[in-house]
N, C-alpha and C. Protein backbone atom coordinates (compact mmCIF):
# COMPACT_ATOMS: atom_id res chain seq x y z
N MET A 1 -39.89 -88.83 159.69
CA MET A 1 -39.94 -88.12 161.14
C MET A 1 -40.91 -86.67 161.17
N ALA A 2 -41.70 -86.63 161.60
CA ALA A 2 -42.84 -85.67 161.81
C ALA A 2 -42.21 -84.23 162.51
N LEU A 3 -42.24 -83.27 161.87
CA LEU A 3 -41.59 -81.99 162.19
C LEU A 3 -42.75 -81.20 163.69
N THR A 4 -41.79 -80.81 164.33
CA THR A 4 -42.28 -80.37 165.77
C THR A 4 -42.83 -78.76 165.35
N GLU A 5 -42.00 -78.34 164.32
CA GLU A 5 -41.98 -76.66 164.09
C GLU A 5 -41.03 -76.75 162.54
N SER A 6 -41.45 -75.40 162.22
CA SER A 6 -40.84 -75.15 161.19
C SER A 6 -39.39 -74.16 161.50
N ALA A 7 -38.28 -74.46 161.30
CA ALA A 7 -37.18 -73.80 161.66
C ALA A 7 -37.30 -72.95 160.57
N LYS A 8 -37.07 -73.46 159.64
CA LYS A 8 -37.05 -72.74 158.14
C LYS A 8 -37.43 -71.22 158.35
N CYS A 9 -38.58 -71.60 158.59
CA CYS A 9 -39.81 -70.39 158.73
C CYS A 9 -39.25 -69.20 159.80
N LYS A 10 -38.67 -69.71 160.67
CA LYS A 10 -37.92 -69.05 161.73
C LYS A 10 -36.77 -67.87 161.02
N GLU A 11 -36.37 -68.45 159.83
CA GLU A 11 -35.28 -67.96 159.40
C GLU A 11 -35.72 -67.30 158.27
N ILE A 12 -36.80 -67.27 157.58
CA ILE A 12 -37.14 -66.31 156.25
C ILE A 12 -38.69 -65.30 156.40
N PHE A 13 -39.19 -65.78 157.41
CA PHE A 13 -39.98 -65.06 157.92
C PHE A 13 -40.34 -64.61 159.37
N PRO A 14 -41.19 -63.50 159.61
CA PRO A 14 -41.15 -62.97 160.79
C PRO A 14 -42.16 -63.67 162.00
N HIS A 15 -42.06 -63.13 162.97
CA HIS A 15 -42.66 -63.73 164.23
C HIS A 15 -44.46 -62.86 163.86
N GLU A 16 -45.34 -63.50 164.24
CA GLU A 16 -46.28 -63.21 163.74
C GLU A 16 -47.20 -62.61 164.74
N ASP A 17 -46.60 -61.03 165.42
CA ASP A 17 -47.21 -60.26 166.17
C ASP A 17 -47.28 -59.27 164.95
N THR A 18 -48.12 -58.17 165.60
CA THR A 18 -48.63 -57.10 164.40
C THR A 18 -47.37 -56.39 163.90
N MET A 19 -46.88 -55.93 165.00
CA MET A 19 -45.22 -55.06 164.54
C MET A 19 -44.49 -55.92 163.53
N ASN A 20 -44.19 -57.07 164.14
CA ASN A 20 -43.14 -57.56 162.94
C ASN A 20 -43.74 -57.75 161.56
N LEU A 21 -45.10 -58.52 161.67
CA LEU A 21 -45.68 -58.61 160.10
C LEU A 21 -45.75 -57.17 159.54
N ASN A 22 -46.16 -56.16 160.12
CA ASN A 22 -45.79 -54.56 159.51
C ASN A 22 -44.77 -54.56 159.02
N LYS A 23 -43.51 -55.01 159.60
CA LYS A 23 -42.34 -54.47 159.31
C LYS A 23 -41.65 -55.39 158.05
N PHE A 24 -42.34 -56.31 157.98
CA PHE A 24 -41.80 -57.66 156.93
C PHE A 24 -42.75 -57.24 155.66
N PHE A 25 -44.13 -57.24 156.08
CA PHE A 25 -45.00 -57.27 154.73
C PHE A 25 -45.89 -55.84 154.55
N GLY A 26 -45.51 -54.93 155.23
CA GLY A 26 -45.97 -53.75 155.10
C GLY A 26 -47.56 -53.91 155.49
N ASP A 27 -47.99 -52.59 156.35
CA ASP A 27 -49.49 -52.23 156.69
C ASP A 27 -50.61 -52.43 156.17
N PRO A 28 -51.17 -53.30 156.33
CA PRO A 28 -52.38 -53.32 155.33
C PRO A 28 -53.52 -52.83 156.02
N ARG A 29 -53.25 -52.20 156.95
CA ARG A 29 -54.67 -51.09 157.41
C ARG A 29 -54.63 -50.24 156.69
N GLY A 30 -56.13 -49.83 156.15
CA GLY A 30 -56.58 -48.59 155.68
C GLY A 30 -57.83 -47.99 156.26
N LYS A 31 -58.50 -47.11 155.98
CA LYS A 31 -59.68 -46.26 156.51
C LYS A 31 -60.52 -47.12 156.88
N ASN A 32 -61.53 -46.68 157.90
CA ASN A 32 -62.95 -47.21 158.27
C ASN A 32 -62.81 -48.79 158.35
N GLY A 33 -61.72 -49.50 158.68
CA GLY A 33 -61.69 -50.95 158.99
C GLY A 33 -61.66 -51.59 157.68
N GLU A 34 -61.09 -51.04 156.93
CA GLU A 34 -60.79 -51.77 155.36
C GLU A 34 -59.27 -51.90 155.00
N VAL A 35 -59.10 -52.83 154.24
CA VAL A 35 -57.23 -53.29 153.77
C VAL A 35 -57.24 -51.88 153.14
N SER A 36 -55.98 -51.64 153.08
CA SER A 36 -55.33 -50.43 152.57
C SER A 36 -55.38 -50.45 151.01
N LYS A 37 -56.23 -49.91 149.87
CA LYS A 37 -56.41 -50.18 148.62
C LYS A 37 -54.92 -49.97 147.80
N ALA A 38 -54.02 -49.04 148.56
CA ALA A 38 -52.40 -48.70 147.83
C ALA A 38 -51.51 -50.30 148.34
N TRP A 39 -51.72 -50.48 149.52
CA TRP A 39 -51.16 -51.82 150.19
C TRP A 39 -51.56 -53.01 149.30
N PHE A 40 -53.17 -53.33 149.02
CA PHE A 40 -53.17 -54.54 148.45
C PHE A 40 -52.56 -54.53 147.06
N SER A 41 -53.07 -53.50 146.40
CA SER A 41 -52.56 -53.42 144.87
C SER A 41 -50.98 -53.35 144.65
N GLU A 42 -50.35 -53.06 145.69
CA GLU A 42 -48.79 -53.24 145.57
C GLU A 42 -48.26 -54.42 145.93
N ASN A 43 -48.84 -54.99 147.10
CA ASN A 43 -48.38 -56.30 148.28
C ASN A 43 -48.93 -57.49 147.34
N LEU A 44 -50.18 -57.68 147.19
CA LEU A 44 -50.85 -58.80 146.98
C LEU A 44 -50.98 -59.22 145.61
N VAL A 45 -50.55 -60.68 144.95
CA VAL A 45 -50.85 -61.34 144.10
C VAL A 45 -51.52 -62.14 144.04
N LYS A 46 -52.09 -62.46 142.72
CA LYS A 46 -53.01 -63.55 142.48
C LYS A 46 -51.91 -65.02 142.04
N TRP A 47 -52.48 -65.88 143.28
CA TRP A 47 -51.45 -67.13 143.09
C TRP A 47 -52.35 -68.43 142.37
N VAL A 48 -51.79 -69.05 141.77
CA VAL A 48 -52.11 -69.75 140.74
C VAL A 48 -51.41 -71.52 141.32
N PRO A 49 -51.89 -71.97 142.37
CA PRO A 49 -51.28 -73.13 142.98
C PRO A 49 -51.11 -74.54 141.86
N PRO A 50 -49.86 -75.00 141.72
CA PRO A 50 -49.57 -75.97 140.96
C PRO A 50 -50.69 -77.07 140.67
N TYR A 51 -51.93 -77.40 141.57
CA TYR A 51 -52.99 -78.00 141.17
C TYR A 51 -54.35 -77.45 141.58
N PRO A 52 -55.55 -77.73 141.32
CA PRO A 52 -56.76 -76.93 141.46
C PRO A 52 -57.00 -77.08 142.59
N LEU A 53 -57.50 -75.90 143.56
CA LEU A 53 -57.90 -76.22 145.08
C LEU A 53 -59.38 -75.62 144.95
N PHE A 54 -60.06 -76.30 145.94
CA PHE A 54 -61.70 -76.06 145.82
C PHE A 54 -62.14 -75.59 147.07
N TYR A 55 -63.15 -74.56 146.98
CA TYR A 55 -63.62 -74.15 148.62
C TYR A 55 -64.03 -75.14 149.16
N SER A 56 -64.23 -74.88 150.60
CA SER A 56 -64.54 -76.05 151.60
C SER A 56 -66.07 -75.84 151.73
N ASP A 57 -66.78 -75.65 150.39
CA ASP A 57 -67.89 -75.58 150.90
C ASP A 57 -69.20 -76.87 150.68
N GLY A 58 -68.25 -77.83 150.59
CA GLY A 58 -68.93 -79.20 150.17
C GLY A 58 -69.54 -79.63 148.52
N LYS A 59 -69.19 -78.61 148.09
CA LYS A 59 -69.79 -78.68 146.53
C LYS A 59 -68.47 -78.84 145.44
N ARG A 60 -67.38 -78.67 146.02
CA ARG A 60 -66.24 -78.70 145.13
C ARG A 60 -66.07 -77.36 144.51
N THR A 61 -66.25 -76.29 144.59
CA THR A 61 -66.37 -74.98 144.10
C THR A 61 -64.96 -74.45 143.83
N PRO A 62 -64.80 -74.63 142.59
CA PRO A 62 -63.33 -74.16 142.32
C PRO A 62 -62.55 -72.63 142.87
N LEU A 63 -61.59 -72.66 143.64
CA LEU A 63 -61.24 -71.63 144.03
C LEU A 63 -60.38 -71.11 142.79
N LYS A 64 -60.94 -70.09 142.28
CA LYS A 64 -60.14 -69.62 140.86
C LYS A 64 -59.31 -68.25 141.26
N THR A 65 -59.67 -67.76 142.14
CA THR A 65 -58.63 -66.44 142.73
C THR A 65 -58.37 -66.43 144.02
N LEU A 66 -56.83 -66.92 144.16
CA LEU A 66 -56.62 -66.97 145.67
C LEU A 66 -55.30 -65.31 145.43
N TYR A 67 -55.29 -64.68 146.76
CA TYR A 67 -54.66 -63.87 146.83
C TYR A 67 -53.03 -64.03 148.26
N LEU A 68 -52.12 -63.97 147.47
CA LEU A 68 -51.20 -63.86 148.51
C LEU A 68 -50.07 -62.87 148.30
N HIS A 69 -49.35 -62.81 149.63
CA HIS A 69 -48.75 -61.72 149.58
C HIS A 69 -47.38 -62.13 148.43
N LYS A 70 -46.81 -60.96 147.75
CA LYS A 70 -45.74 -61.38 146.67
C LYS A 70 -44.51 -62.11 147.25
N LYS A 71 -44.35 -61.91 148.72
CA LYS A 71 -43.25 -62.44 149.19
C LYS A 71 -43.14 -63.70 149.75
N VAL A 72 -44.39 -64.30 149.67
CA VAL A 72 -44.69 -65.62 149.94
C VAL A 72 -45.10 -66.51 148.78
N VAL A 73 -45.47 -66.05 147.79
CA VAL A 73 -45.66 -66.72 146.83
C VAL A 73 -44.32 -67.81 146.43
N ASP A 74 -43.67 -67.87 146.15
CA ASP A 74 -42.49 -68.56 145.51
C ASP A 74 -42.57 -69.87 147.15
N VAL A 75 -42.58 -69.43 147.98
CA VAL A 75 -42.45 -70.52 149.27
C VAL A 75 -43.82 -71.38 148.98
N TYR A 76 -44.86 -70.80 149.14
CA TYR A 76 -45.99 -71.52 148.75
C TYR A 76 -46.11 -72.11 147.44
N SER A 77 -45.72 -71.74 146.66
CA SER A 77 -45.37 -72.64 145.28
C SER A 77 -44.59 -74.18 145.07
N ALA A 78 -43.59 -73.57 146.01
CA ALA A 78 -42.66 -74.59 145.85
C ALA A 78 -43.20 -75.88 146.59
N ALA A 79 -43.72 -75.51 147.85
CA ALA A 79 -44.34 -76.12 148.92
C ALA A 79 -45.56 -77.12 148.11
N TYR A 80 -46.32 -76.37 147.77
CA TYR A 80 -47.38 -77.30 146.80
C TYR A 80 -46.96 -77.92 145.45
N THR A 81 -46.01 -77.57 144.80
CA THR A 81 -45.56 -78.49 143.93
C THR A 81 -44.89 -79.69 144.50
N GLU A 82 -44.18 -79.68 145.49
CA GLU A 82 -43.55 -80.73 146.29
C GLU A 82 -44.92 -81.90 146.79
N VAL A 83 -46.01 -81.23 147.14
CA VAL A 83 -47.03 -81.96 147.72
C VAL A 83 -47.69 -82.87 146.32
N LEU A 84 -47.94 -82.06 145.45
CA LEU A 84 -48.33 -82.55 143.85
C LEU A 84 -47.38 -83.87 143.47
N GLN A 85 -45.90 -83.57 143.53
CA GLN A 85 -44.99 -84.26 143.19
C GLN A 85 -44.69 -85.63 144.13
N HIS A 86 -45.38 -85.67 145.47
CA HIS A 86 -45.08 -86.50 146.55
C HIS A 86 -46.99 -87.55 146.48
N PHE A 87 -47.90 -87.08 146.56
CA PHE A 87 -48.53 -87.39 146.58
C PHE A 87 -49.65 -87.94 145.41
N GLY A 88 -49.56 -87.11 144.33
CA GLY A 88 -50.26 -87.16 143.02
C GLY A 88 -51.71 -86.76 143.09
N ALA A 89 -52.29 -86.52 141.90
CA ALA A 89 -53.51 -86.12 141.59
C ALA A 89 -54.78 -87.05 142.74
N ALA A 90 -54.62 -88.04 142.43
CA ALA A 90 -55.67 -89.02 143.24
C ALA A 90 -55.61 -88.97 144.58
N HIS A 91 -54.14 -88.95 145.30
CA HIS A 91 -54.21 -88.77 146.98
C HIS A 91 -54.35 -87.74 147.37
N ILE A 92 -53.76 -86.48 146.67
CA ILE A 92 -54.43 -85.36 147.02
C ILE A 92 -55.88 -84.81 147.08
N LYS A 93 -56.70 -85.85 146.20
CA LYS A 93 -58.49 -85.58 146.58
C LYS A 93 -58.62 -86.62 147.53
N GLU A 94 -58.38 -87.58 147.76
CA GLU A 94 -58.45 -88.87 148.72
C GLU A 94 -58.26 -88.17 150.13
N PHE A 95 -56.93 -87.40 149.97
CA PHE A 95 -56.75 -86.77 151.41
C PHE A 95 -57.44 -85.62 151.66
N HIS A 96 -58.24 -84.88 150.89
CA HIS A 96 -58.80 -84.06 150.98
C HIS A 96 -57.74 -82.62 150.68
N LEU A 97 -56.68 -82.88 150.24
CA LEU A 97 -55.49 -82.01 150.35
C LEU A 97 -55.84 -80.72 149.29
N ASP A 98 -56.85 -80.95 148.68
CA ASP A 98 -57.19 -79.94 147.44
C ASP A 98 -58.67 -79.18 147.86
N VAL A 99 -58.52 -79.31 149.19
CA VAL A 99 -60.05 -78.20 149.70
C VAL A 99 -59.55 -77.31 151.09
N SER A 100 -59.82 -75.89 150.84
CA SER A 100 -59.22 -74.71 151.14
C SER A 100 -60.50 -73.97 151.38
N GLY A 101 -59.93 -73.40 152.92
CA GLY A 101 -60.97 -71.98 153.22
C GLY A 101 -60.38 -70.83 152.70
N GLY A 102 -59.29 -71.03 151.87
CA GLY A 102 -58.81 -69.70 151.18
C GLY A 102 -57.50 -69.18 151.84
N THR A 103 -57.08 -67.79 151.28
CA THR A 103 -55.90 -67.60 151.99
C THR A 103 -56.45 -65.70 152.27
N PHE A 104 -55.90 -64.95 151.49
CA PHE A 104 -56.18 -63.53 152.00
C PHE A 104 -57.53 -62.85 152.44
N ASN A 105 -57.78 -62.79 153.61
CA ASN A 105 -59.05 -62.38 154.16
C ASN A 105 -58.93 -61.26 154.73
N TYR A 106 -59.10 -59.97 154.68
CA TYR A 106 -58.83 -58.64 155.59
C TYR A 106 -59.73 -58.96 156.97
N ARG A 107 -59.67 -59.16 158.26
CA ARG A 107 -60.32 -59.40 159.25
C ARG A 107 -59.72 -59.68 160.62
N PRO A 108 -60.31 -59.25 161.60
CA PRO A 108 -59.70 -59.82 163.06
C PRO A 108 -59.82 -61.02 163.25
N MET A 109 -58.67 -61.66 164.35
CA MET A 109 -58.75 -63.01 164.72
C MET A 109 -60.15 -63.32 165.00
N ARG A 110 -60.52 -64.62 165.05
CA ARG A 110 -61.90 -65.00 165.51
C ARG A 110 -61.57 -64.85 167.17
N GLY A 111 -62.38 -64.18 167.79
CA GLY A 111 -62.38 -63.85 169.24
C GLY A 111 -61.64 -62.91 169.78
N GLY A 112 -60.99 -61.86 168.59
CA GLY A 112 -60.08 -61.01 169.14
C GLY A 112 -60.36 -59.71 168.23
N THR A 113 -59.41 -58.55 168.82
CA THR A 113 -59.69 -57.70 167.64
C THR A 113 -58.31 -57.15 166.97
N ARG A 114 -57.42 -58.18 167.50
CA ARG A 114 -56.10 -58.14 166.30
C ARG A 114 -56.23 -58.65 164.89
N LEU A 115 -55.43 -57.92 163.72
CA LEU A 115 -56.10 -58.52 162.51
C LEU A 115 -55.01 -59.95 162.45
N SER A 116 -56.19 -60.80 161.94
CA SER A 116 -55.65 -62.31 161.72
C SER A 116 -54.45 -62.02 160.42
N VAL A 117 -53.65 -62.93 160.84
CA VAL A 117 -52.29 -63.18 159.93
C VAL A 117 -53.22 -63.77 158.34
N HIS A 118 -54.08 -63.90 157.96
CA HIS A 118 -55.03 -64.00 156.65
C HIS A 118 -54.85 -62.37 156.07
N SER A 119 -55.09 -61.44 157.19
CA SER A 119 -55.06 -59.86 156.36
C SER A 119 -53.93 -59.80 155.52
N TRP A 120 -52.79 -60.25 155.86
CA TRP A 120 -51.35 -60.02 155.09
C TRP A 120 -51.35 -60.86 154.23
N GLY A 121 -52.44 -61.72 153.68
CA GLY A 121 -52.16 -62.64 152.73
C GLY A 121 -51.06 -63.52 152.89
N VAL A 122 -51.14 -64.26 154.09
CA VAL A 122 -49.67 -64.98 154.06
C VAL A 122 -50.18 -66.28 154.69
N ALA A 123 -51.25 -66.57 154.84
CA ALA A 123 -52.02 -67.53 155.27
C ALA A 123 -52.92 -68.20 154.48
N ILE A 124 -53.13 -69.53 154.79
CA ILE A 124 -54.11 -70.79 154.03
C ILE A 124 -54.84 -71.24 155.11
N ASP A 125 -56.26 -71.65 154.74
CA ASP A 125 -56.55 -72.74 155.60
C ASP A 125 -57.16 -74.05 154.94
N MET A 126 -56.41 -75.23 155.21
CA MET A 126 -56.73 -76.47 154.31
C MET A 126 -58.16 -77.30 155.23
N ASP A 127 -58.73 -77.67 154.65
CA ASP A 127 -60.02 -78.64 154.97
C ASP A 127 -60.53 -78.43 156.38
N PRO A 128 -61.36 -76.99 156.24
CA PRO A 128 -61.77 -76.83 157.49
C PRO A 128 -62.82 -77.19 158.15
N ALA A 129 -63.53 -78.19 157.47
CA ALA A 129 -64.66 -79.24 158.11
C ALA A 129 -63.82 -80.43 158.76
N ARG A 130 -62.95 -80.97 158.38
CA ARG A 130 -62.54 -81.91 159.00
C ARG A 130 -61.22 -81.18 160.00
N ASN A 131 -60.55 -80.24 160.23
CA ASN A 131 -59.85 -79.65 160.88
C ASN A 131 -60.21 -78.44 161.61
N PRO A 132 -61.05 -78.49 162.28
CA PRO A 132 -61.68 -77.57 162.88
C PRO A 132 -60.81 -76.56 164.36
N PHE A 133 -61.20 -75.21 164.13
CA PHE A 133 -60.56 -74.36 165.19
C PHE A 133 -61.74 -74.03 166.28
N PRO A 134 -61.51 -74.19 167.43
CA PRO A 134 -60.29 -74.88 168.02
C PRO A 134 -60.07 -76.37 168.13
N ALA A 135 -59.16 -77.08 167.94
CA ALA A 135 -58.94 -78.23 168.13
C ALA A 135 -57.38 -78.54 168.00
N ARG A 136 -56.90 -80.09 168.63
CA ARG A 136 -55.75 -80.34 168.62
C ARG A 136 -55.86 -81.09 167.32
N TRP A 137 -54.54 -81.20 166.84
CA TRP A 137 -54.41 -82.49 165.70
C TRP A 137 -54.29 -83.83 165.99
N LYS A 138 -55.21 -84.51 165.25
CA LYS A 138 -54.86 -86.17 165.56
C LYS A 138 -54.99 -86.81 164.45
N GLU A 139 -54.57 -88.06 164.37
CA GLU A 139 -54.91 -88.65 163.51
C GLU A 139 -55.91 -89.04 162.99
N GLY A 140 -56.35 -88.83 161.33
CA GLY A 140 -57.61 -88.86 160.42
C GLY A 140 -57.86 -87.29 160.26
N MET A 141 -57.18 -86.63 160.82
CA MET A 141 -57.36 -85.14 160.40
C MET A 141 -56.34 -84.63 159.40
N LEU A 142 -55.81 -83.79 159.18
CA LEU A 142 -55.13 -83.17 157.74
C LEU A 142 -53.93 -83.94 157.77
N ASN A 143 -53.70 -84.46 156.49
CA ASN A 143 -52.73 -85.35 156.29
C ASN A 143 -51.34 -85.14 156.87
N ARG A 144 -50.28 -85.59 157.94
CA ARG A 144 -49.26 -85.37 158.71
C ARG A 144 -48.02 -85.14 157.68
N GLU A 145 -48.05 -85.74 156.77
CA GLU A 145 -46.88 -85.61 155.72
C GLU A 145 -46.79 -84.39 154.82
N PHE A 146 -48.36 -84.23 154.48
CA PHE A 146 -48.54 -83.03 153.74
C PHE A 146 -47.98 -81.63 154.65
N ALA A 147 -48.55 -81.48 155.93
CA ALA A 147 -48.12 -80.49 156.83
C ALA A 147 -46.46 -80.21 156.87
N ASP A 148 -45.97 -81.76 157.06
CA ASP A 148 -44.38 -81.83 157.02
C ASP A 148 -43.82 -81.02 155.97
N ILE A 149 -44.56 -81.42 154.58
CA ILE A 149 -44.00 -80.73 153.42
C ILE A 149 -43.94 -79.05 153.42
N LEU A 150 -45.01 -78.72 153.83
CA LEU A 150 -45.37 -77.29 154.04
C LEU A 150 -44.25 -76.79 154.89
N MET A 151 -44.39 -77.16 155.96
CA MET A 151 -43.33 -76.89 156.91
C MET A 151 -41.65 -76.71 156.44
N LYS A 152 -41.23 -77.70 156.17
CA LYS A 152 -39.92 -77.83 155.39
C LYS A 152 -39.73 -76.94 154.42
N HIS A 153 -40.48 -76.46 153.97
CA HIS A 153 -40.40 -75.07 152.96
C HIS A 153 -40.73 -73.72 153.79
N GLY A 154 -40.92 -74.17 154.84
CA GLY A 154 -40.71 -72.57 156.06
C GLY A 154 -42.28 -72.24 155.91
N ILE A 155 -43.16 -72.84 156.01
CA ILE A 155 -44.57 -72.57 156.51
C ILE A 155 -45.17 -72.87 157.55
N TRP A 156 -45.26 -72.25 158.87
CA TRP A 156 -45.74 -72.51 160.07
C TRP A 156 -47.06 -73.41 159.94
N TRP A 157 -47.16 -74.45 160.42
CA TRP A 157 -48.55 -75.21 160.76
C TRP A 157 -49.12 -74.92 162.29
N ARG A 158 -50.23 -74.65 162.59
CA ARG A 158 -51.05 -74.16 163.51
C ARG A 158 -51.46 -75.76 164.09
N GLY A 159 -50.92 -76.92 163.49
CA GLY A 159 -51.50 -78.09 163.90
C GLY A 159 -50.62 -78.95 164.78
N ILE A 160 -49.31 -78.23 165.16
CA ILE A 160 -47.91 -78.64 165.79
C ILE A 160 -48.70 -78.64 167.40
N PRO A 161 -47.72 -79.62 168.06
CA PRO A 161 -48.25 -80.03 169.35
C PRO A 161 -48.11 -78.77 170.35
N GLY A 162 -49.04 -78.48 171.08
CA GLY A 162 -49.43 -77.31 171.46
C GLY A 162 -49.98 -76.33 170.81
N ASP A 163 -50.72 -76.49 169.64
CA ASP A 163 -51.29 -75.52 169.22
C ASP A 163 -52.41 -76.16 168.94
N ASN A 164 -53.53 -75.24 168.42
CA ASN A 164 -54.66 -75.43 168.37
C ASN A 164 -55.85 -75.25 166.80
N ASP A 165 -54.82 -75.01 165.97
CA ASP A 165 -56.01 -74.75 164.66
C ASP A 165 -55.25 -75.43 163.55
N PRO A 166 -55.45 -76.62 163.27
CA PRO A 166 -54.71 -77.77 162.65
C PRO A 166 -55.15 -77.34 161.11
N MET A 167 -56.33 -76.83 160.37
CA MET A 167 -56.55 -75.94 159.40
C MET A 167 -55.41 -75.00 158.55
N HIS A 168 -54.65 -74.60 159.57
CA HIS A 168 -54.01 -72.90 159.54
C HIS A 168 -52.65 -73.12 159.13
N PHE A 169 -52.36 -72.75 157.87
CA PHE A 169 -50.61 -72.66 157.81
C PHE A 169 -50.55 -71.10 157.53
N GLN A 170 -49.06 -70.84 157.92
CA GLN A 170 -48.94 -69.07 157.61
C GLN A 170 -47.35 -68.99 157.66
N ALA A 171 -47.11 -68.07 156.93
CA ALA A 171 -45.78 -67.30 156.51
C ALA A 171 -45.30 -66.76 157.71
N ALA A 172 -45.16 -67.14 158.77
CA ALA A 172 -44.95 -66.15 159.89
C ALA A 172 -45.20 -67.11 161.37
N TRP A 173 -43.93 -67.17 162.21
CA TRP A 173 -43.70 -68.48 163.04
C TRP A 173 -44.52 -67.69 164.53
N ARG A 174 -44.36 -68.84 165.03
CA ARG A 174 -45.17 -68.07 166.73
C ARG A 174 -44.80 -69.48 167.67
N TYR A 175 -44.96 -68.90 168.98
CA TYR A 175 -44.88 -69.94 169.94
C TYR A 175 -46.37 -70.47 170.60
N PRO A 176 -46.54 -71.78 170.31
CA PRO A 176 -47.55 -72.33 170.52
C PRO A 176 -48.56 -71.75 171.84
N ASN A 177 -49.66 -71.61 171.83
CA ASN A 177 -50.17 -71.18 173.12
C ASN A 177 -49.75 -69.75 173.42
N HIS A 178 -48.76 -68.82 172.88
CA HIS A 178 -48.21 -68.07 173.42
C HIS A 178 -48.36 -66.67 171.92
N GLY A 179 -48.90 -67.17 171.02
CA GLY A 179 -48.88 -66.00 170.25
C GLY A 179 -47.85 -65.40 169.76
């Protein structure tokens, strides 16, 4: 049965508003609109997923360095390990579950001034070309079993009914259409 949200995410991670993200993950804001170097070095770690991920450039360029917040690495590692066990390498490639737009990216949300959840190193975009923003998820886009595995581990999917960013997964919960 397809999940409609990640109840576990609400148990282990904060709401995605800036105040709660800063309280739980620390404040990444530095000077002159850049990430704080101290926050970056104290909180972000290089993540090596259990199977290779490739940048969404259409050339299968390996993503060699992915940064995640230290508080989310174990959750992402467990989820992606289960994905590998469930699908196997051949189906991961077939379903484009190895194509990513990346993780940490210090920037404002698209069309806004508030920091993107990527700015805390707690989000990943999967297969952006086939799962565009803004769009409602539908069959033929991101594999639903993949999304359910990540949600089971506590990662919120922005492709759930009522939301419009099916490429996006984050270790912070939200109300669809409400932020």
